[in-house]
Protein backbone atom coordinates (compact mmCIF):
# COMPACT_ATOMS: atom_id res chain seq x y z
CA MET A 1 89.67 113.96 95.83
CA LEU A 2 85.90 114.04 95.46
CA LEU A 3 84.09 111.12 97.06
CA PRO A 4 80.48 110.06 96.36
CA GLY A 5 78.15 112.91 97.34
CA GLU A 6 80.81 115.62 97.05
CA THR A 7 81.18 118.16 94.23
CA ALA A 8 83.96 120.56 93.36
CA ALA A 9 83.62 124.04 94.89
CA PRO A 10 86.65 126.13 93.92
CA GLY A 11 87.28 129.14 96.14
CA THR A 12 85.85 127.51 99.28
CA PRO A 13 88.00 126.49 102.27
CA SER A 14 87.85 122.75 101.47
CA GLY A 15 87.40 122.99 97.69
CA LYS A 16 84.29 120.84 97.80
CA SER A 17 80.68 120.83 98.87
CA GLY A 18 78.10 118.18 99.65
CA THR A 19 77.97 115.31 102.09
CA ARG A 20 79.84 112.06 101.55
CA ARG A 21 77.54 109.12 100.97
CA ALA A 22 78.15 105.75 102.58
CA GLN A 23 78.79 102.91 100.16
CA THR A 24 77.78 99.25 100.10
CA ALA A 25 80.34 96.45 100.22
CA GLY A 26 80.64 94.60 96.94
CA PHE A 27 79.25 97.46 94.82
CA PRO A 28 81.59 99.67 92.75
CA PHE A 29 81.61 103.44 93.18
CA SER A 30 83.53 106.28 91.57
CA ILE A 31 85.77 108.99 92.93
CA THR A 32 87.22 111.98 91.11
CA VAL A 33 90.82 113.07 91.57
CA ARG A 34 91.62 116.66 90.61
CA ALA A 35 94.92 118.52 90.39
CA CYS A 36 94.16 121.85 92.07
CA ASP A 37 95.77 125.21 92.72
CA ASP A 38 95.67 126.93 96.12
CA GLN A 39 92.09 128.11 95.45
CA TRP A 40 90.91 124.57 94.54
CA ALA A 41 90.51 125.37 90.84
CA THR A 42 91.42 122.48 88.52
CA VAL A 43 94.85 122.84 86.92
CA THR A 44 94.13 121.50 83.46
CA THR A 45 97.78 121.22 82.41
CA VAL A 46 98.54 118.46 84.96
CA THR A 47 98.65 114.96 83.46
CA HIS A 48 100.36 112.95 86.23
CA SER A 49 99.77 109.25 86.64
CA VAL A 50 97.58 108.59 89.69
CA SER A 51 97.25 105.40 91.74
CA ILE A 52 94.37 104.74 94.12
CA LEU A 53 94.96 102.89 97.39
CA ALA A 54 92.56 102.01 100.22
CA SER A 55 92.77 100.89 103.83
CA ASP A 56 90.31 98.05 103.03
CA ALA A 57 92.85 95.31 102.31
CA SER A 58 90.24 93.40 100.28
CA ALA A 59 89.22 96.37 98.10
CA THR A 60 89.18 96.04 94.34
CA LEU A 61 91.29 98.96 93.13
CA PRO A 62 91.63 100.51 89.67
CA ALA A 63 94.83 100.48 87.66
CA ALA A 64 96.96 103.61 87.73
CA SER A 65 95.80 106.14 85.15
CA GLN A 66 96.83 109.51 83.73
CA LEU A 67 94.87 112.61 84.62
CA THR A 68 93.24 114.24 81.62
CA ALA A 69 92.91 118.03 81.75
CA GLY A 70 93.84 117.87 85.43
CA GLN A 71 91.34 115.27 86.58
CA GLY A 72 90.42 111.61 86.44
CA THR A 73 87.58 109.35 87.53
CA PHE A 74 88.42 106.06 89.21
CA THR A 75 86.12 103.17 90.12
CA LEU A 76 86.79 101.04 93.19
CA THR A 77 84.91 98.53 95.30
CA PHE A 78 85.14 97.94 99.02
CA ASN A 79 84.64 94.29 99.86
CA ALA A 80 84.17 94.66 103.62
CA GLY A 81 82.23 96.90 105.97
CA GLY A 82 83.77 99.68 108.03
CA ASN A 83 85.32 103.12 107.71
CA PHE A 84 88.04 103.11 105.08
CA ASN A 85 90.52 105.66 103.84
CA VAL A 86 91.00 106.19 100.14
CA TYR A 87 94.36 107.54 98.99
CA ALA A 88 95.31 109.12 95.68
CA THR A 89 99.03 109.12 94.98
CA THR A 90 101.02 110.43 92.08
CA ARG A 91 104.36 109.22 90.96
CA ALA A 92 105.42 112.85 91.11
CA THR A 93 104.80 113.20 94.85
CA HIS A 94 104.59 109.68 96.33
CA ASP A 95 102.68 111.36 99.15
CA PRO A 96 99.38 109.62 99.95
CA GLY A 97 98.87 111.56 103.20
CA ARG A 98 97.91 114.79 101.46
CA HIS A 99 95.24 113.23 99.26
CA VAL A 100 92.98 111.18 101.50
CA GLY A 101 89.26 110.77 102.17
CA THR A 102 87.30 108.48 104.45
CA VAL A 103 84.29 106.49 103.24
CA ARG A 104 81.87 104.51 105.40
CA CYS A 105 80.93 101.17 103.87
CA TYR A 106 77.96 99.06 104.94
CA VAL A 107 77.38 95.38 104.30
CA LEU A 108 74.02 94.60 102.72
CA ASP A 109 72.50 92.05 105.08
CA SER A 110 69.40 91.23 103.06
CA PHE A 111 67.21 92.49 100.29
CA THR A 112 63.59 91.41 100.04
CA PHE A 113 60.64 92.45 97.93
CA SER A 114 57.68 93.04 100.16
CA THR A 115 55.05 93.48 97.43
CA ILE A 116 55.15 92.82 93.74
CA ASN A 117 52.31 93.31 91.29
CA GLN A 118 52.02 94.51 87.73
CA LYS A 119 51.40 98.16 88.65
CA THR A 120 53.61 98.84 91.64
CA SER A 121 56.37 97.31 93.66
CA THR A 122 57.90 98.18 96.99
CA ARG A 123 61.08 96.87 98.46
CA ALA A 124 62.76 96.84 101.81
CA SER A 125 66.46 96.67 102.54
CA ARG A 126 68.20 95.99 105.80
CA TRP A 127 71.73 97.21 106.48
CA ARG A 128 74.15 95.78 108.94
CA SER A 129 76.55 98.24 110.46
CA PRO A 130 80.10 96.94 110.78
């Protein structure tokens, strides 16, 4: 599973590189689920149906979908702040524990424009940590 900020890196110990990015409650984001071999290369012949689950009980989750050429992109939305696990399960394995990632989600407390004119604009955001 590749979470926002991560990219596939076959042949590395974890199979991915990059740093996970925190998400904002109420805003959708995408994850990529890949069927991999023991060297983290995508196995393009796998077409299992994948379901996405999350530990945020209020999350908006995608419908189950078939992998295409060994991978699929799924969009979900956390609707609360906190650290949440994302699980990818297949009907073939029914094993969510092996396919899990944790995402930090912040709640947007406010959003204000500090200056607006015809040539430039600046904005300031304030985040509230859960």
